[in-house]
Amino acid sequence: AATMARPIAALYDDDPDRPDAFSASLPTEGGALRLDYGRTAIDR
């Protein structure tokens, strides 16, 4: 309720580390599976 009016883009403006902080990876034989969930309204 307190954050729902905040644009998702603002989270990137306020947190330069967001692309790495809001992603996780699993190494695989052919590379990696990468989950990028930065483009959600979830903050730290």
PDB file of all heavy atoms in Angstrom:
ATOM      1  N   ALA A   1       0.829  -1.215   0.000  1.00  0.00           N
ATOM      2  CA  ALA A   1       0.000   0.000   0.000  1.00  0.00           C
ATOM      3  C   ALA A   1       0.858   1.257   0.000  1.00  0.00           C
ATOM      4  O   ALA A   1       0.519   2.260  -0.647  1.00  0.00           O
ATOM      5  CB  ALA A   1      -0.934  -0.003   1.205  1.00  0.00           C
ATOM      6  N   ALA A   2       1.987   1.197   0.705  1.00  0.00           N
ATOM      7  CA  ALA A   2       2.838   2.380   0.811  1.00  0.00           C
ATOM      8  C   ALA A   2       3.654   2.638  -0.449  1.00  0.00           C
ATOM      9  O   ALA A   2       4.116   3.769  -0.669  1.00  0.00           O
ATOM     10  CB  ALA A   2       3.786   2.227   2.001  1.00  0.00           C
ATOM     11  N   THR A   3       3.825   1.612  -1.297  1.00  0.00           N
ATOM     12  CA  THR A   3       4.727   1.751  -2.447  1.00  0.00           C
ATOM     13  C   THR A   3       4.031   1.575  -3.789  1.00  0.00           C
ATOM     14  O   THR A   3       4.678   1.717  -4.831  1.00  0.00           O
ATOM     15  CB  THR A   3       5.867   0.717  -2.359  1.00  0.00           C
ATOM     16  OG1 THR A   3       5.311  -0.610  -2.334  1.00  0.00           O
ATOM     17  CG2 THR A   3       6.710   0.931  -1.113  1.00  0.00           C
ATOM     18  N   MET A   4       2.744   1.300  -3.800  1.00  0.00           N
ATOM     19  CA  MET A   4       2.100   0.920  -5.063  1.00  0.00           C
ATOM     20  C   MET A   4       2.060   2.059  -6.084  1.00  0.00           C
ATOM     21  O   MET A   4       1.939   1.814  -7.286  1.00  0.00           O
ATOM     22  CB  MET A   4       0.688   0.376  -4.823  1.00  0.00           C
ATOM     23  CG  MET A   4      -0.288   1.353  -4.226  1.00  0.00           C
ATOM     24  SD  MET A   4      -1.875   0.546  -3.836  1.00  0.00           S
ATOM     25  CE  MET A   4      -2.347  -0.143  -5.433  1.00  0.00           C
ATOM     26  N   ALA A   5       2.172   3.307  -5.648  1.00  0.00           N
ATOM     27  CA  ALA A   5       2.158   4.423  -6.599  1.00  0.00           C
ATOM     28  C   ALA A   5       3.530   4.674  -7.222  1.00  0.00           C
ATOM     29  O   ALA A   5       3.652   5.464  -8.155  1.00  0.00           O
ATOM     30  CB  ALA A   5       1.674   5.689  -5.906  1.00  0.00           C
ATOM     31  N   ARG A   6       4.547   4.002  -6.732  1.00  0.00           N
ATOM     32  CA  ARG A   6       5.907   4.232  -7.220  1.00  0.00           C
ATOM     33  C   ARG A   6       6.137   3.488  -8.531  1.00  0.00           C
ATOM     34  O   ARG A   6       5.938   2.286  -8.615  1.00  0.00           O
ATOM     35  CB  ARG A   6       6.913   3.745  -6.172  1.00  0.00           C
ATOM     36  CG  ARG A   6       8.375   3.908  -6.552  1.00  0.00           C
ATOM     37  CD  ARG A   6       9.262   3.299  -5.462  1.00  0.00           C
ATOM     38  NE  ARG A   6       8.947   1.898  -5.239  1.00  0.00           N
ATOM     39  CZ  ARG A   6       9.317   1.206  -4.161  1.00  0.00           C
ATOM     40  NH1 ARG A   6       9.981   1.798  -3.190  1.00  0.00           N
ATOM     41  NH2 ARG A   6       8.998  -0.073  -4.038  1.00  0.00           N
ATOM     42  N   PRO A   7       6.586   4.161  -9.588  1.00  0.00           N
ATOM     43  CA  PRO A   7       6.871   3.467 -10.852  1.00  0.00           C
ATOM     44  C   PRO A   7       8.036   2.495 -10.694  1.00  0.00           C
ATOM     45  O   PRO A   7       8.985   2.762  -9.934  1.00  0.00           O
ATOM     46  CB  PRO A   7       7.247   4.604 -11.812  1.00  0.00           C
ATOM     47  CG  PRO A   7       6.753   5.849 -11.172  1.00  0.00           C
ATOM     48  CD  PRO A   7       6.798   5.618  -9.689  1.00  0.00           C
ATOM     49  N   ILE A   8       7.975   1.389 -11.423  1.00  0.00           N
ATOM     50  CA  ILE A   8       9.070   0.415 -11.363  1.00  0.00           C
ATOM     51  C   ILE A   8      10.376   1.048 -11.836  1.00  0.00           C
ATOM     52  O   ILE A   8      11.447   0.791 -11.267  1.00  0.00           O
ATOM     53  CB  ILE A   8       8.722  -0.823 -12.216  1.00  0.00           C
ATOM     54  CG1 ILE A   8       7.515  -1.553 -11.612  1.00  0.00           C
ATOM     55  CG2 ILE A   8       9.908  -1.777 -12.303  1.00  0.00           C
ATOM     56  CD1 ILE A   8       6.991  -2.686 -12.467  1.00  0.00           C
ATOM     57  N   ALA A   9      10.288   1.902 -12.845  1.00  0.00           N
ATOM     58  CA  ALA A   9      11.502   2.537 -13.365  1.00  0.00           C
ATOM     59  C   ALA A   9      12.230   3.321 -12.282  1.00  0.00           C
ATOM     60  O   ALA A   9      13.469   3.433 -12.307  1.00  0.00           O
ATOM     61  CB  ALA A   9      11.156   3.440 -14.538  1.00  0.00           C
ATOM     62  N   ALA A  10      11.484   3.853 -11.324  1.00  0.00           N
ATOM     63  CA  ALA A  10      12.114   4.627 -10.258  1.00  0.00           C
ATOM     64  C   ALA A  10      13.015   3.757  -9.388  1.00  0.00           C
ATOM     65  O   ALA A  10      13.984   4.249  -8.797  1.00  0.00           O
ATOM     66  CB  ALA A  10      11.045   5.289  -9.390  1.00  0.00           C
ATOM     67  N   LEU A  11      12.723   2.475  -9.317  1.00  0.00           N
ATOM     68  CA  LEU A  11      13.565   1.583  -8.537  1.00  0.00           C
ATOM     69  C   LEU A  11      14.963   1.486  -9.138  1.00  0.00           C
ATOM     70  O   LEU A  11      15.957   1.341  -8.408  1.00  0.00           O
ATOM     71  CB  LEU A  11      12.927   0.193  -8.459  1.00  0.00           C
ATOM     72  CG  LEU A  11      11.613   0.102  -7.677  1.00  0.00           C
ATOM     73  CD1 LEU A  11      10.977  -1.268  -7.851  1.00  0.00           C
ATOM     74  CD2 LEU A  11      11.842   0.401  -6.208  1.00  0.00           C
ATOM     75  N   TYR A  12      15.043   1.547 -10.449  1.00  0.00           N
ATOM     76  CA  TYR A  12      16.360   1.546 -11.110  1.00  0.00           C
ATOM     77  C   TYR A  12      17.080   2.876 -10.878  1.00  0.00           C
ATOM     78  O   TYR A  12      18.300   2.907 -10.697  1.00  0.00           O
ATOM     79  CB  TYR A  12      16.199   1.281 -12.608  1.00  0.00           C
ATOM     80  CG  TYR A  12      15.933  -0.167 -12.936  1.00  0.00           C
ATOM     81  CD1 TYR A  12      14.634  -0.657 -12.990  1.00  0.00           C
ATOM     82  CD2 TYR A  12      16.974  -1.044 -13.194  1.00  0.00           C
ATOM     83  CE1 TYR A  12      14.376  -1.983 -13.295  1.00  0.00           C
ATOM     84  CE2 TYR A  12      16.734  -2.377 -13.498  1.00  0.00           C
ATOM     85  CZ  TYR A  12      15.436  -2.842 -13.538  1.00  0.00           C
ATOM     86  OH  TYR A  12      15.188  -4.158 -13.827  1.00  0.00           O
ATOM     87  N   ASP A  13      16.319   3.949 -10.899  1.00  0.00           N
ATOM     88  CA  ASP A  13      16.935   5.259 -10.677  1.00  0.00           C
ATOM     89  C   ASP A  13      17.492   5.370  -9.259  1.00  0.00           C
ATOM     90  O   ASP A  13      18.543   5.986  -9.043  1.00  0.00           O
ATOM     91  CB  ASP A  13      15.903   6.363 -10.908  1.00  0.00           C
ATOM     92  CG  ASP A  13      15.388   6.377 -12.341  1.00  0.00           C
ATOM     93  OD1 ASP A  13      16.122   5.902 -13.239  1.00  0.00           O
ATOM     94  OD2 ASP A  13      14.250   6.842 -12.555  1.00  0.00           O
ATOM     95  N   ASP A  14      16.816   4.757  -8.294  1.00  0.00           N
ATOM     96  CA  ASP A  14      17.217   4.864  -6.890  1.00  0.00           C
ATOM     97  C   ASP A  14      18.255   3.819  -6.487  1.00  0.00           C
ATOM     98  O   ASP A  14      18.868   3.950  -5.418  1.00  0.00           O
ATOM     99  CB  ASP A  14      15.997   4.724  -5.975  1.00  0.00           C
ATOM    100  CG  ASP A  14      14.985   5.843  -6.193  1.00  0.00           C
ATOM    101  OD1 ASP A  14      15.372   6.892  -6.725  1.00  0.00           O
ATOM    102  OD2 ASP A  14      13.806   5.640  -5.846  1.00  0.00           O
ATOM    103  N   ASP A  15      18.423   2.787  -7.306  1.00  0.00           N
ATOM    104  CA  ASP A  15      19.304   1.671  -6.922  1.00  0.00           C
ATOM    105  C   ASP A  15      20.141   1.243  -8.126  1.00  0.00           C
ATOM    106  O   ASP A  15      19.719   0.387  -8.908  1.00  0.00           O
ATOM    107  CB  ASP A  15      18.461   0.500  -6.413  1.00  0.00           C
ATOM    108  CG  ASP A  15      19.302  -0.630  -5.822  1.00  0.00           C
ATOM    109  OD1 ASP A  15      20.545  -0.567  -5.935  1.00  0.00           O
ATOM    110  OD2 ASP A  15      18.712  -1.569  -5.258  1.00  0.00           O
ATOM    111  N   PRO A  16      21.330   1.819  -8.315  1.00  0.00           N
ATOM    112  CA  PRO A  16      22.164   1.481  -9.479  1.00  0.00           C
ATOM    113  C   PRO A  16      22.546   0.004  -9.534  1.00  0.00           C
ATOM    114  O   PRO A  16      22.867  -0.513 -10.604  1.00  0.00           O
ATOM    115  CB  PRO A  16      23.409   2.367  -9.285  1.00  0.00           C
ATOM    116  CG  PRO A  16      23.004   3.428  -8.329  1.00  0.00           C
ATOM    117  CD  PRO A  16      21.951   2.841  -7.456  1.00  0.00           C
ATOM    118  N   ASP A  17      22.533  -0.679  -8.389  1.00  0.00           N
ATOM    119  CA  ASP A  17      22.917  -2.094  -8.354  1.00  0.00           C
ATOM    120  C   ASP A  17      21.744  -3.028  -8.640  1.00  0.00           C
ATOM    121  O   ASP A  17      21.912  -4.249  -8.591  1.00  0.00           O
ATOM    122  CB  ASP A  17      23.495  -2.440  -6.976  1.00  0.00           C
ATOM    123  CG  ASP A  17      24.778  -1.687  -6.679  1.00  0.00           C
ATOM    124  OD1 ASP A  17      25.522  -1.395  -7.639  1.00  0.00           O
ATOM    125  OD2 ASP A  17      25.026  -1.378  -5.499  1.00  0.00           O
ATOM    126  N   ARG A  18      20.584  -2.473  -8.951  1.00  0.00           N
ATOM    127  CA  ARG A  18      19.389  -3.308  -9.090  1.00  0.00           C
ATOM    128  C   ARG A  18      19.530  -4.427 -10.132  1.00  0.00           C
ATOM    129  O   ARG A  18      19.101  -5.561  -9.870  1.00  0.00           O
ATOM    130  CB  ARG A  18      18.167  -2.440  -9.401  1.00  0.00           C
ATOM    131  CG  ARG A  18      16.850  -3.238  -9.375  1.00  0.00           C
ATOM    132  CD  ARG A  18      15.641  -2.333  -9.460  1.00  0.00           C
ATOM    133  NE  ARG A  18      14.409  -3.109  -9.496  1.00  0.00           N
ATOM    134  CZ  ARG A  18      13.755  -3.555  -8.427  1.00  0.00           C
ATOM    135  NH1 ARG A  18      14.230  -3.307  -7.222  1.00  0.00           N
ATOM    136  NH2 ARG A  18      12.639  -4.249  -8.556  1.00  0.00           N
ATOM    137  N   PRO A  19      20.126  -4.198 -11.322  1.00  0.00           N
ATOM    138  CA  PRO A  19      20.208  -5.294 -12.298  1.00  0.00           C
ATOM    139  C   PRO A  19      20.884  -6.543 -11.747  1.00  0.00           C
ATOM    140  O   PRO A  19      20.462  -7.665 -12.051  1.00  0.00           O
ATOM    141  CB  PRO A  19      21.009  -4.671 -13.449  1.00  0.00           C
ATOM    142  CG  PRO A  19      20.713  -3.212 -13.356  1.00  0.00           C
ATOM    143  CD  PRO A  19      20.626  -2.925 -11.881  1.00  0.00           C
ATOM    144  N   ASP A  20      21.928  -6.381 -10.950  1.00  0.00           N
ATOM    145  CA  ASP A  20      22.600  -7.545 -10.371  1.00  0.00           C
ATOM    146  C   ASP A  20      21.930  -8.003  -9.079  1.00  0.00           C
ATOM    147  O   ASP A  20      21.842  -9.204  -8.809  1.00  0.00           O
ATOM    148  CB  ASP A  20      24.071  -7.231 -10.088  1.00  0.00           C
ATOM    149  CG  ASP A  20      24.883  -7.064 -11.365  1.00  0.00           C
ATOM    150  OD1 ASP A  20      24.528  -7.727 -12.367  1.00  0.00           O
ATOM    151  OD2 ASP A  20      25.842  -6.280 -11.374  1.00  0.00           O
ATOM    152  N   ALA A  21      21.454  -7.053  -8.294  1.00  0.00           N
ATOM    153  CA  ALA A  21      20.864  -7.398  -6.999  1.00  0.00           C
ATOM    154  C   ALA A  21      19.543  -8.126  -7.148  1.00  0.00           C
ATOM    155  O   ALA A  21      19.152  -8.889  -6.251  1.00  0.00           O
ATOM    156  CB  ALA A  21      20.681  -6.134  -6.160  1.00  0.00           C
ATOM    157  N   PHE A  22      18.845  -7.894  -8.264  1.00  0.00           N
ATOM    158  CA  PHE A  22      17.547  -8.520  -8.473  1.00  0.00           C
ATOM    159  C   PHE A  22      17.603  -9.509  -9.644  1.00  0.00           C
ATOM    160  O   PHE A  22      16.763  -9.518 -10.537  1.00  0.00           O
ATOM    161  CB  PHE A  22      16.456  -7.462  -8.665  1.00  0.00           C
ATOM    162  CG  PHE A  22      16.061  -6.808  -7.376  1.00  0.00           C
ATOM    163  CD1 PHE A  22      16.871  -5.841  -6.803  1.00  0.00           C
ATOM    164  CD2 PHE A  22      14.922  -7.189  -6.705  1.00  0.00           C
ATOM    165  CE1 PHE A  22      16.529  -5.250  -5.592  1.00  0.00           C
ATOM    166  CE2 PHE A  22      14.573  -6.608  -5.491  1.00  0.00           C
ATOM    167  CZ  PHE A  22      15.377  -5.640  -4.934  1.00  0.00           C
ATOM    168  N   SER A  23      18.641 -10.317  -9.622  1.00  0.00           N
ATOM    169  CA  SER A  23      18.768 -11.424 -10.567  1.00  0.00           C
ATOM    170  C   SER A  23      19.489 -12.561  -9.858  1.00  0.00           C
ATOM    171  O   SER A  23      20.169 -12.354  -8.847  1.00  0.00           O
ATOM    172  CB  SER A  23      19.525 -11.009 -11.826  1.00  0.00           C
ATOM    173  OG  SER A  23      20.865 -10.670 -11.514  1.00  0.00           O
ATOM    174  N   ALA A  24      19.311 -13.750 -10.350  1.00  0.00           N
ATOM    175  CA  ALA A  24      19.982 -14.923  -9.797  1.00  0.00           C
ATOM    176  C   ALA A  24      20.220 -15.894 -10.946  1.00  0.00           C
ATOM    177  O   ALA A  24      19.467 -15.917 -11.930  1.00  0.00           O
ATOM    178  CB  ALA A  24      19.137 -15.573  -8.707  1.00  0.00           C
ATOM    179  N   SER A  25      21.268 -16.705 -10.837  1.00  0.00           N
ATOM    180  CA  SER A  25      21.651 -17.590 -11.934  1.00  0.00           C
ATOM    181  C   SER A  25      21.979 -18.985 -11.424  1.00  0.00           C
ATOM    182  O   SER A  25      22.390 -19.168 -10.275  1.00  0.00           O
ATOM    183  CB  SER A  25      22.870 -17.034 -12.678  1.00  0.00           C
ATOM    184  OG  SER A  25      22.587 -15.797 -13.282  1.00  0.00           O
ATOM    185  N   LEU A  26      21.800 -19.942 -12.314  1.00  0.00           N
ATOM    186  CA  LEU A  26      22.232 -21.317 -12.083  1.00  0.00           C
ATOM    187  C   LEU A  26      23.138 -21.712 -13.236  1.00  0.00           C
ATOM    188  O   LEU A  26      22.674 -21.797 -14.383  1.00  0.00           O
ATOM    189  CB  LEU A  26      21.035 -22.263 -12.007  1.00  0.00           C
ATOM    190  CG  LEU A  26      21.363 -23.764 -11.998  1.00  0.00           C
ATOM    191  CD1 LEU A  26      22.156 -24.132 -10.747  1.00  0.00           C
ATOM    192  CD2 LEU A  26      20.094 -24.599 -12.093  1.00  0.00           C
ATOM    193  N   PRO A  27      24.444 -21.924 -12.990  1.00  0.00           N
ATOM    194  CA  PRO A  27      25.326 -22.356 -14.078  1.00  0.00           C
ATOM    195  C   PRO A  27      24.870 -23.694 -14.648  1.00  0.00           C
ATOM    196  O   PRO A  27      24.416 -24.578 -13.919  1.00  0.00           O
ATOM    197  CB  PRO A  27      26.690 -22.489 -13.387  1.00  0.00           C
ATOM    198  CG  PRO A  27      26.592 -21.643 -12.171  1.00  0.00           C
ATOM    199  CD  PRO A  27      25.155 -21.739 -11.727  1.00  0.00           C
ATOM    200  N   THR A  28      24.969 -23.835 -15.962  1.00  0.00           N
ATOM    201  CA  THR A  28      24.624 -25.081 -16.627  1.00  0.00           C
ATOM    202  C   THR A  28      25.752 -25.447 -17.580  1.00  0.00           C
ATOM    203  O   THR A  28      26.668 -24.663 -17.827  1.00  0.00           O
ATOM    204  CB  THR A  28      23.312 -24.957 -17.433  1.00  0.00           C
ATOM    205  OG1 THR A  28      23.536 -24.085 -18.553  1.00  0.00           O
ATOM    206  CG2 THR A  28      22.193 -24.397 -16.571  1.00  0.00           C
ATOM    207  N   GLU A  29      25.642 -26.633 -18.139  1.00  0.00           N
ATOM    208  CA  GLU A  29      26.671 -27.107 -19.073  1.00  0.00           C
ATOM    209  C   GLU A  29      26.779 -26.193 -20.286  1.00  0.00           C
ATOM    210  O   GLU A  29      27.852 -25.980 -20.827  1.00  0.00           O
ATOM    211  CB  GLU A  29      26.331 -28.533 -19.508  1.00  0.00           C
ATOM    212  CG  GLU A  29      27.432 -29.226 -20.275  1.00  0.00           C
ATOM    213  CD  GLU A  29      27.100 -30.685 -20.553  1.00  0.00           C
ATOM    214  OE1 GLU A  29      26.717 -31.395 -19.602  1.00  0.00           O
ATOM    215  OE2 GLU A  29      27.236 -31.112 -21.710  1.00  0.00           O
ATOM    216  N   GLY A  30      25.659 -25.625 -20.709  1.00  0.00           N
ATOM    217  CA  GLY A  30      25.671 -24.790 -21.906  1.00  0.00           C
ATOM    218  C   GLY A  30      25.744 -23.300 -21.634  1.00  0.00           C
ATOM    219  O   GLY A  30      25.664 -22.503 -22.557  1.00  0.00           O
ATOM    220  N   GLY A  31      25.852 -22.899 -20.363  1.00  0.00           N
ATOM    221  CA  GLY A  31      25.891 -21.478 -20.041  1.00  0.00           C
ATOM    222  C   GLY A  31      25.315 -21.235 -18.663  1.00  0.00           C
ATOM    223  O   GLY A  31      25.934 -21.600 -17.666  1.00  0.00           O
ATOM    224  N   ALA A  32      24.118 -20.680 -18.604  1.00  0.00           N
ATOM    225  CA  ALA A  32      23.473 -20.444 -17.309  1.00  0.00           C
ATOM    226  C   ALA A  32      22.003 -20.161 -17.517  1.00  0.00           C
ATOM    227  O   ALA A  32      21.589 -19.650 -18.564  1.00  0.00           O
ATOM    228  CB  ALA A  32      24.137 -19.273 -16.579  1.00  0.00           C
ATOM    229  N   LEU A  33      21.211 -20.507 -16.511  1.00  0.00           N
ATOM    230  CA  LEU A  33      19.824 -20.058 -16.426  1.00  0.00           C
ATOM    231  C   LEU A  33      19.822 -18.797 -15.571  1.00  0.00           C
ATOM    232  O   LEU A  33      20.274 -18.828 -14.422  1.00  0.00           O
ATOM    233  CB  LEU A  33      18.947 -21.127 -15.769  1.00  0.00           C
ATOM    234  CG  LEU A  33      18.613 -22.364 -16.582  1.00  0.00           C
ATOM    235  CD1 LEU A  33      17.905 -23.383 -15.710  1.00  0.00           C
ATOM    236  CD2 LEU A  33      17.750 -22.003 -17.772  1.00  0.00           C
ATOM    237  N   ARG A  34      19.326 -17.720 -16.105  1.00  0.00           N
ATOM    238  CA  ARG A  34      19.343 -16.448 -15.385  1.00  0.00           C
ATOM    239  C   ARG A  34      17.920 -15.957 -15.189  1.00  0.00           C
ATOM    240  O   ARG A  34      17.138 -15.883 -16.151  1.00  0.00           O
ATOM    241  CB  ARG A  34      20.156 -15.408 -16.151  1.00  0.00           C
ATOM    242  CG  ARG A  34      20.175 -14.010 -15.500  1.00  0.00           C
ATOM    243  CD  ARG A  34      20.996 -13.041 -16.340  1.00  0.00           C
ATOM    244  NE  ARG A  34      20.873 -11.663 -15.874  1.00  0.00           N
ATOM    245  CZ  ARG A  34      21.629 -11.116 -14.933  1.00  0.00           C
ATOM    246  NH1 ARG A  34      22.578 -11.845 -14.361  1.00  0.00           N
ATOM    247  NH2 ARG A  34      21.467  -9.865 -14.568  1.00  0.00           N
ATOM    248  N   LEU A  35      17.586 -15.644 -13.958  1.00  0.00           N
ATOM    249  CA  LEU A  35      16.296 -15.065 -13.614  1.00  0.00           C
ATOM    250  C   LEU A  35      16.503 -13.591 -13.288  1.00  0.00           C
ATOM    251  O   LEU A  35      17.205 -13.249 -12.341  1.00  0.00           O
ATOM    252  CB  LEU A  35      15.700 -15.785 -12.395  1.00  0.00           C
ATOM    253  CG  LEU A  35      14.482 -15.131 -11.739  1.00  0.00           C
ATOM    254  CD1 LEU A  35      13.300 -15.101 -12.695  1.00  0.00           C
ATOM    255  CD2 LEU A  35      14.114 -15.852 -10.441  1.00  0.00           C
ATOM    256  N   ASP A  36      15.898 -12.722 -14.084  1.00  0.00           N
ATOM    257  CA  ASP A  36      15.963 -11.278 -13.860  1.00  0.00           C
ATOM    258  C   ASP A  36      14.572 -10.826 -13.424  1.00  0.00           C
ATOM    259  O   ASP A  36      13.632 -10.840 -14.210  1.00  0.00           O
ATOM    260  CB  ASP A  36      16.381 -10.580 -15.154  1.00  0.00           C
ATOM    261  CG  ASP A  36      16.436  -9.059 -15.033  1.00  0.00           C
ATOM    262  OD1 ASP A  36      16.006  -8.523 -13.994  1.00  0.00           O
ATOM    263  OD2 ASP A  36      16.893  -8.413 -15.982  1.00  0.00           O
ATOM    264  N   TYR A  37      14.436 -10.450 -12.171  1.00  0.00           N
ATOM    265  CA  TYR A  37      13.134 -10.012 -11.664  1.00  0.00           C
ATOM    266  C   TYR A  37      13.164  -8.552 -11.234  1.00  0.00           C
ATOM    267  O   TYR A  37      12.333  -8.097 -10.451  1.00  0.00           O
ATOM    268  CB  TYR A  37      12.655 -10.927 -10.534  1.00  0.00           C
ATOM    269  CG  TYR A  37      13.538 -10.990  -9.300  1.00  0.00           C
ATOM    270  CD1 TYR A  37      13.202 -10.290  -8.154  1.00  0.00           C
ATOM    271  CD2 TYR A  37      14.694 -11.762  -9.283  1.00  0.00           C
ATOM    272  CE1 TYR A  37      13.993 -10.350  -7.013  1.00  0.00           C
ATOM    273  CE2 TYR A  37      15.499 -11.831  -8.156  1.00  0.00           C
ATOM    274  CZ  TYR A  37      15.141 -11.122  -7.025  1.00  0.00           C
ATOM    275  OH  TYR A  37      15.931 -11.187  -5.896  1.00  0.00           O
ATOM    276  N   GLY A  38      14.109  -7.801 -11.794  1.00  0.00           N
ATOM    277  CA  GLY A  38      14.194  -6.383 -11.480  1.00  0.00           C
ATOM    278  C   GLY A  38      13.016  -5.576 -11.993  1.00  0.00           C
ATOM    279  O   GLY A  38      12.654  -4.551 -11.402  1.00  0.00           O
ATOM    280  N   ARG A  39      12.391  -6.032 -13.077  1.00  0.00           N
ATOM    281  CA  ARG A  39      11.268  -5.290 -13.657  1.00  0.00           C
ATOM    282  C   ARG A  39       9.951  -5.675 -12.981  1.00  0.00           C
ATOM    283  O   ARG A  39       8.945  -5.926 -13.631  1.00  0.00           O
ATOM    284  CB  ARG A  39      11.201  -5.536 -15.161  1.00  0.00           C
ATOM    285  CG  ARG A  39      12.366  -4.951 -15.950  1.00  0.00           C
ATOM    286  CD  ARG A  39      12.194  -5.263 -17.435  1.00  0.00           C
ATOM    287  NE  ARG A  39      13.247  -4.719 -18.255  1.00  0.00           N
ATOM    288  CZ  ARG A  39      14.408  -5.328 -18.545  1.00  0.00           C
ATOM    289  NH1 ARG A  39      14.653  -6.526 -18.020  1.00  0.00           N
ATOM    290  NH2 ARG A  39      15.300  -4.759 -19.316  1.00  0.00           N
ATOM    291  N   THR A  40       9.995  -5.756 -11.651  1.00  0.00           N
ATOM    292  CA  THR A  40       8.790  -5.921 -10.848  1.00  0.00           C
ATOM    293  C   THR A  40       8.787  -4.797  -9.815  1.00  0.00           C
ATOM    294  O   THR A  40       9.789  -4.092  -9.644  1.00  0.00           O
ATOM    295  CB  THR A  40       8.769  -7.272 -10.103  1.00  0.00           C
ATOM    296  OG1 THR A  40       9.789  -7.270  -9.094  1.00  0.00           O
ATOM    297  CG2 THR A  40       9.008  -8.439 -11.057  1.00  0.00           C
ATOM    298  N   ALA A  41       7.697  -4.649  -9.113  1.00  0.00           N
ATOM    299  CA  ALA A  41       7.604  -3.600  -8.094  1.00  0.00           C
ATOM    300  C   ALA A  41       8.229  -4.028  -6.771  1.00  0.00           C
ATOM    301  O   ALA A  41       8.142  -3.294  -5.788  1.00  0.00           O
ATOM    302  CB  ALA A  41       6.145  -3.215  -7.880  1.00  0.00           C
ATOM    303  N   ILE A  42       8.849  -5.193  -6.744  1.00  0.00           N
ATOM    304  CA  ILE A  42       9.481  -5.676  -5.512  1.00  0.00           C
ATOM    305  C   ILE A  42      10.774  -4.895  -5.269  1.00  0.00           C
ATOM    306  O   ILE A  42      11.650  -4.844  -6.135  1.00  0.00           O
ATOM    307  CB  ILE A  42       9.778  -7.180  -5.609  1.00  0.00           C
ATOM    308  CG1 ILE A  42       8.483  -7.964  -5.837  1.00  0.00           C
ATOM    309  CG2 ILE A  42      10.483  -7.672  -4.340  1.00  0.00           C
ATOM    310  CD1 ILE A  42       8.699  -9.431  -6.155  1.00  0.00           C
ATOM    311  N   ASP A  43      10.885  -4.297  -4.091  1.00  0.00           N
ATOM    312  CA  ASP A  43      12.126  -3.619  -3.719  1.00  0.00           C
ATOM    313  C   ASP A  43      12.834  -4.464  -2.655  1.00  0.00           C
ATOM    314  O   ASP A  43      12.414  -5.578  -2.332  1.00  0.00           O
ATOM    315  CB  ASP A  43      11.845  -2.194  -3.225  1.00  0.00           C
ATOM    316  CG  ASP A  43      10.910  -2.152  -2.023  1.00  0.00           C
ATOM    317  OD1 ASP A  43      10.657  -3.220  -1.409  1.00  0.00           O
ATOM    318  OD2 ASP A  43      10.421  -1.056  -1.690  1.00  0.00           O
ATOM    319  N   ARG A  44      13.924  -3.925  -2.107  1.00  0.00           N
ATOM    320  CA  ARG A  44      14.706  -4.710  -1.151  1.00  0.00           C
ATOM    321  C   ARG A  44      13.894  -5.055   0.097  1.00  0.00           C
ATOM    322  O   ARG A  44      13.983  -6.174   0.620  1.00  0.00           O
ATOM    323  CB  ARG A  44      15.992  -3.962  -0.792  1.00  0.00           C
ATOM    324  CG  ARG A  44      16.989  -3.913  -1.942  1.00  0.00           C
ATOM    325  CD  ARG A  44      18.222  -3.092  -1.606  1.00  0.00           C
ATOM    326  NE  ARG A  44      19.075  -2.932  -2.765  1.00  0.00           N
ATOM    327  CZ  ARG A  44      20.151  -3.681  -3.040  1.00  0.00           C
ATOM    328  NH1 ARG A  44      20.492  -4.653  -2.221  1.00  0.00           N
ATOM    329  NH2 ARG A  44      20.878  -3.465  -4.123  1.00  0.00           N
TER     330      ARG A  44
END
